Amino acid sequence: MPSKFSTSDLEAFLDESLPVERMAAVEDELRNDGELQKELAAINGRRDAGVHSLGEIWRRHRLSCPSREQLGSFLLGVLSPEEAEYITFHVNAIECRYCAASIEDLKAQQSAAANEVTRRRQKYYQSSVGHLRQK
């Protein structure tokens, strides 16, 4: 019986780059399907031997992923419409877990920086309240 997972799916599984639901489906199937286990072992053996497909190299090195700088620019809304559209597609349609995690991290950093600015402003205001003249 042919596997319902392609070689690309299994390679992406080994790289942990499949969407979460697809990763879980592969894991479930691996528990019960000896043929799938053999296929995954063969892929892993080819990798260990240094035989790689172009697609595997592309995925492993995440050549289609935007840089962290580009993701930050995306969050700031300063990218061209075409670049912003690509990042939206990459994160939402392709479901790149690496880029989604990077975006969440950048959002957390932006939020922390905004909180720090607010805290600093309040501190400056509180330290100067007694020094202001009343009119």
C-alpha atoms as a PDB file:
ATOM      1  CA  MET A   1       0.000   0.000   0.000  1.00  0.00           C
ATOM      2  CA  PRO A   2       1.522   3.357  -0.992  1.00  0.00           C
ATOM      3  CA  SER A   3       2.168   5.861   1.767  1.00  0.00           C
ATOM      4  CA  LYS A   4      -0.160   8.820   2.075  1.00  0.00           C
ATOM      5  CA  PHE A   5       2.905  10.955   2.804  1.00  0.00           C
ATOM      6  CA  SER A   6       5.263  12.101   0.081  1.00  0.00           C
ATOM      7  CA  THR A   7       9.026  11.945   0.365  1.00  0.00           C
ATOM      8  CA  SER A   8       8.941  15.738   0.726  1.00  0.00           C
ATOM      9  CA  ASP A   9       6.561  15.400   3.658  1.00  0.00           C
ATOM     10  CA  LEU A  10       8.831  12.894   5.354  1.00  0.00           C
ATOM     11  CA  GLU A  11      11.930  15.026   4.762  1.00  0.00           C
ATOM     12  CA  ALA A  12      10.096  18.038   6.190  1.00  0.00           C
ATOM     13  CA  PHE A  13       9.009  15.857   9.115  1.00  0.00           C
ATOM     14  CA  LEU A  14      12.649  15.067   9.868  1.00  0.00           C
ATOM     15  CA  ASP A  15      13.428  18.795   9.729  1.00  0.00           C
ATOM     16  CA  GLU A  16      10.416  19.539  11.958  1.00  0.00           C
ATOM     17  CA  SER A  17       9.163  22.019   9.400  1.00  0.00           C
ATOM     18  CA  LEU A  18       5.689  20.640   8.695  1.00  0.00           C
ATOM     19  CA  PRO A  19       2.614  22.358  10.111  1.00  0.00           C
ATOM     20  CA  VAL A  20       1.762  20.995  13.557  1.00  0.00           C
ATOM     21  CA  GLU A  21      -1.295  19.041  12.386  1.00  0.00           C
ATOM     22  CA  ARG A  22       0.676  17.372   9.596  1.00  0.00           C
ATOM     23  CA  MET A  23       3.536  16.516  12.004  1.00  0.00           C
ATOM     24  CA  ALA A  24       1.029  14.838  14.317  1.00  0.00           C
ATOM     25  CA  ALA A  25      -0.500  12.891  11.427  1.00  0.00           C
ATOM     26  CA  VAL A  26       2.925  11.578  10.352  1.00  0.00           C
ATOM     27  CA  GLU A  27       3.746  10.592  13.947  1.00  0.00           C
ATOM     28  CA  ASP A  28       0.448   8.748  14.345  1.00  0.00           C
ATOM     29  CA  GLU A  29       0.965   6.884  11.091  1.00  0.00           C
ATOM     30  CA  LEU A  30       4.575   6.011  11.984  1.00  0.00           C
ATOM     31  CA  ARG A  31       3.442   4.243  15.154  1.00  0.00           C
ATOM     32  CA  ASN A  32       1.412   1.711  13.180  1.00  0.00           C
ATOM     33  CA  ASP A  33       2.934   1.486   9.698  1.00  0.00           C
ATOM     34  CA  GLY A  34       6.107  -0.552   9.361  1.00  0.00           C
ATOM     35  CA  GLU A  35       6.503   0.368   5.688  1.00  0.00           C
ATOM     36  CA  LEU A  36       6.416   4.065   6.529  1.00  0.00           C
ATOM     37  CA  GLN A  37       9.035   3.472   9.223  1.00  0.00           C
ATOM     38  CA  LYS A  38      11.271   1.771   6.641  1.00  0.00           C
ATOM     39  CA  GLU A  39      10.735   4.636   4.180  1.00  0.00           C
ATOM     40  CA  LEU A  40      11.659   7.203   6.828  1.00  0.00           C
ATOM     41  CA  ALA A  41      14.733   5.166   7.788  1.00  0.00           C
ATOM     42  CA  ALA A  42      15.797   5.065   4.117  1.00  0.00           C
ATOM     43  CA  ILE A  43      15.450   8.850   3.824  1.00  0.00           C
ATOM     44  CA  ASN A  44      17.468   9.272   6.985  1.00  0.00           C
ATOM     45  CA  GLY A  45      20.092   6.847   5.628  1.00  0.00           C
ATOM     46  CA  ARG A  46      20.409   8.861   2.401  1.00  0.00           C
ATOM     47  CA  ARG A  47      20.835  12.014   4.464  1.00  0.00           C
ATOM     48  CA  ASP A  48      23.544  10.409   6.573  1.00  0.00           C
ATOM     49  CA  ALA A  49      25.298   9.291   3.378  1.00  0.00           C
ATOM     50  CA  GLY A  50      25.277  12.865   2.101  1.00  0.00           C
ATOM     51  CA  VAL A  51      22.716  12.379  -0.676  1.00  0.00           C
ATOM     52  CA  HIS A  52      20.341  15.346  -0.731  1.00  0.00           C
ATOM     53  CA  SER A  53      17.668  16.513  -3.129  1.00  0.00           C
ATOM     54  CA  LEU A  54      17.423  20.125  -4.229  1.00  0.00           C
ATOM     55  CA  GLY A  55      14.093  20.467  -2.404  1.00  0.00           C
ATOM     56  CA  GLU A  56      15.592  19.070   0.775  1.00  0.00           C
ATOM     57  CA  ILE A  57      18.501  21.518   0.649  1.00  0.00           C
ATOM     58  CA  TRP A  58      16.046  24.357  -0.006  1.00  0.00           C
ATOM     59  CA  ARG A  59      13.917  23.381   3.007  1.00  0.00           C
ATOM     60  CA  ARG A  60      16.790  22.583   5.334  1.00  0.00           C
ATOM     61  CA  HIS A  61      18.464  25.935   4.774  1.00  0.00           C
ATOM     62  CA  ARG A  62      15.091  27.725   4.656  1.00  0.00           C
ATOM     63  CA  LEU A  63      16.018  29.568   1.472  1.00  0.00           C
ATOM     64  CA  SER A  64      12.465  30.827   0.982  1.00  0.00           C
ATOM     65  CA  CYS A  65      12.261  32.296   4.497  1.00  0.00           C
ATOM     66  CA  PRO A  66      12.523  36.069   4.810  1.00  0.00           C
ATOM     67  CA  SER A  67      15.257  37.431   7.056  1.00  0.00           C
ATOM     68  CA  ARG A  68      14.481  38.534  10.600  1.00  0.00           C
ATOM     69  CA  GLU A  69      15.062  42.109   9.463  1.00  0.00           C
ATOM     70  CA  GLN A  70      12.430  41.684   6.749  1.00  0.00           C
ATOM     71  CA  LEU A  71      10.009  40.198   9.266  1.00  0.00           C
ATOM     72  CA  GLY A  72      10.578  43.194  11.558  1.00  0.00           C
ATOM     73  CA  SER A  73       9.974  45.569   8.666  1.00  0.00           C
ATOM     74  CA  PHE A  74       6.801  43.629   7.897  1.00  0.00           C
ATOM     75  CA  LEU A  75       5.540  44.203  11.444  1.00  0.00           C
ATOM     76  CA  LEU A  76       6.353  47.900  11.170  1.00  0.00           C
ATOM     77  CA  GLY A  77       4.455  48.076   7.874  1.00  0.00           C
ATOM     78  CA  VAL A  78       7.343  49.519   5.867  1.00  0.00           C
ATOM     79  CA  LEU A  79       7.705  46.805   3.216  1.00  0.00           C
ATOM     80  CA  SER A  80       6.474  47.134  -0.333  1.00  0.00           C
ATOM     81  CA  PRO A  81       3.039  45.583  -0.927  1.00  0.00           C
ATOM     82  CA  GLU A  82       4.643  42.704  -2.865  1.00  0.00           C
ATOM     83  CA  GLU A  83       7.075  41.857  -0.052  1.00  0.00           C
ATOM     84  CA  ALA A  84       4.333  42.105   2.579  1.00  0.00           C
ATOM     85  CA  GLU A  85       2.091  39.856   0.490  1.00  0.00           C
ATOM     86  CA  TYR A  86       4.877  37.256   0.197  1.00  0.00           C
ATOM     87  CA  ILE A  87       5.479  37.222   3.956  1.00  0.00           C
ATOM     88  CA  THR A  88       1.746  36.918   4.629  1.00  0.00           C
ATOM     89  CA  PHE A  89       1.580  33.984   2.178  1.00  0.00           C
ATOM     90  CA  HIS A  90       4.727  32.393   3.626  1.00  0.00           C
ATOM     91  CA  VAL A  91       3.479  32.524   7.221  1.00  0.00           C
ATOM     92  CA  ASN A  92      -0.243  31.867   6.675  1.00  0.00           C
ATOM     93  CA  ALA A  93      -0.466  29.603   3.615  1.00  0.00           C
ATOM     94  CA  ILE A  94       2.869  27.767   3.783  1.00  0.00           C
ATOM     95  CA  GLU A  95       2.621  27.785   7.595  1.00  0.00           C
ATOM     96  CA  CYS A  96       6.348  28.238   8.134  1.00  0.00           C
ATOM     97  CA  ARG A  97       6.810  27.540  11.825  1.00  0.00           C
ATOM     98  CA  TYR A  98      10.221  29.225  11.936  1.00  0.00           C
ATOM     99  CA  CYS A  99       8.960  32.532  10.569  1.00  0.00           C
ATOM    100  CA  ALA A 100       5.773  32.423  12.654  1.00  0.00           C
ATOM    101  CA  ALA A 101       7.876  31.936  15.791  1.00  0.00           C
ATOM    102  CA  SER A 102      10.202  34.745  14.747  1.00  0.00           C
ATOM    103  CA  ILE A 103       7.253  37.085  14.197  1.00  0.00           C
ATOM    104  CA  GLU A 104       5.841  36.223  17.638  1.00  0.00           C
ATOM    105  CA  ASP A 105       9.236  36.912  19.188  1.00  0.00           C
ATOM    106  CA  LEU A 106       9.496  40.255  17.403  1.00  0.00           C
ATOM    107  CA  LYS A 107       5.990  41.194  18.563  1.00  0.00           C
ATOM    108  CA  ALA A 108       6.961  40.368  22.149  1.00  0.00           C
ATOM    109  CA  GLN A 109      10.084  42.519  21.821  1.00  0.00           C
ATOM    110  CA  GLN A 110       8.027  45.422  20.427  1.00  0.00           C
ATOM    111  CA  SER A 111       5.567  45.120  23.291  1.00  0.00           C
ATOM    112  CA  ALA A 112       8.356  45.004  25.875  1.00  0.00           C
ATOM    113  CA  ALA A 113      10.009  48.059  24.310  1.00  0.00           C
ATOM    114  CA  ALA A 114       6.713  49.987  24.348  1.00  0.00           C
ATOM    115  CA  ASN A 115       6.175  49.089  28.016  1.00  0.00           C
ATOM    116  CA  GLU A 116       9.704  50.236  28.835  1.00  0.00           C
ATOM    117  CA  VAL A 117       9.138  53.615  27.141  1.00  0.00           C
ATOM    118  CA  THR A 118       5.908  54.112  29.104  1.00  0.00           C
ATOM    119  CA  ARG A 119       7.615  53.161  32.367  1.00  0.00           C
ATOM    120  CA  ARG A 120      10.530  55.503  31.673  1.00  0.00           C
ATOM    121  CA  ARG A 121       8.206  58.421  30.860  1.00  0.00           C
ATOM    122  CA  GLN A 122       6.293  57.886  34.096  1.00  0.00           C
ATOM    123  CA  LYS A 123       9.543  57.768  36.041  1.00  0.00           C
ATOM    124  CA  TYR A 124      10.750  61.062  34.491  1.00  0.00           C
ATOM    125  CA  TYR A 125       7.415  62.699  35.167  1.00  0.00           C
ATOM    126  CA  GLN A 126       7.348  61.535  38.791  1.00  0.00           C
ATOM    127  CA  SER A 127      10.913  62.750  39.381  1.00  0.00           C
ATOM    128  CA  SER A 128      10.136  66.240  38.058  1.00  0.00           C
ATOM    129  CA  VAL A 129       6.684  66.831  39.587  1.00  0.00           C
ATOM    130  CA  GLY A 130       8.019  68.681  42.632  1.00  0.00           C
ATOM    131  CA  HIS A 131      10.255  70.901  40.502  1.00  0.00           C
ATOM    132  CA  LEU A 132       7.576  72.384  38.271  1.00  0.00           C
ATOM    133  CA  ARG A 133       6.288  75.867  39.069  1.00  0.00           C
ATOM    134  CA  GLN A 134       2.616  76.434  39.419  1.00  0.00           C
ATOM    135  CA  LYS A 135       1.128  79.394  37.576  1.00  0.00           C
END
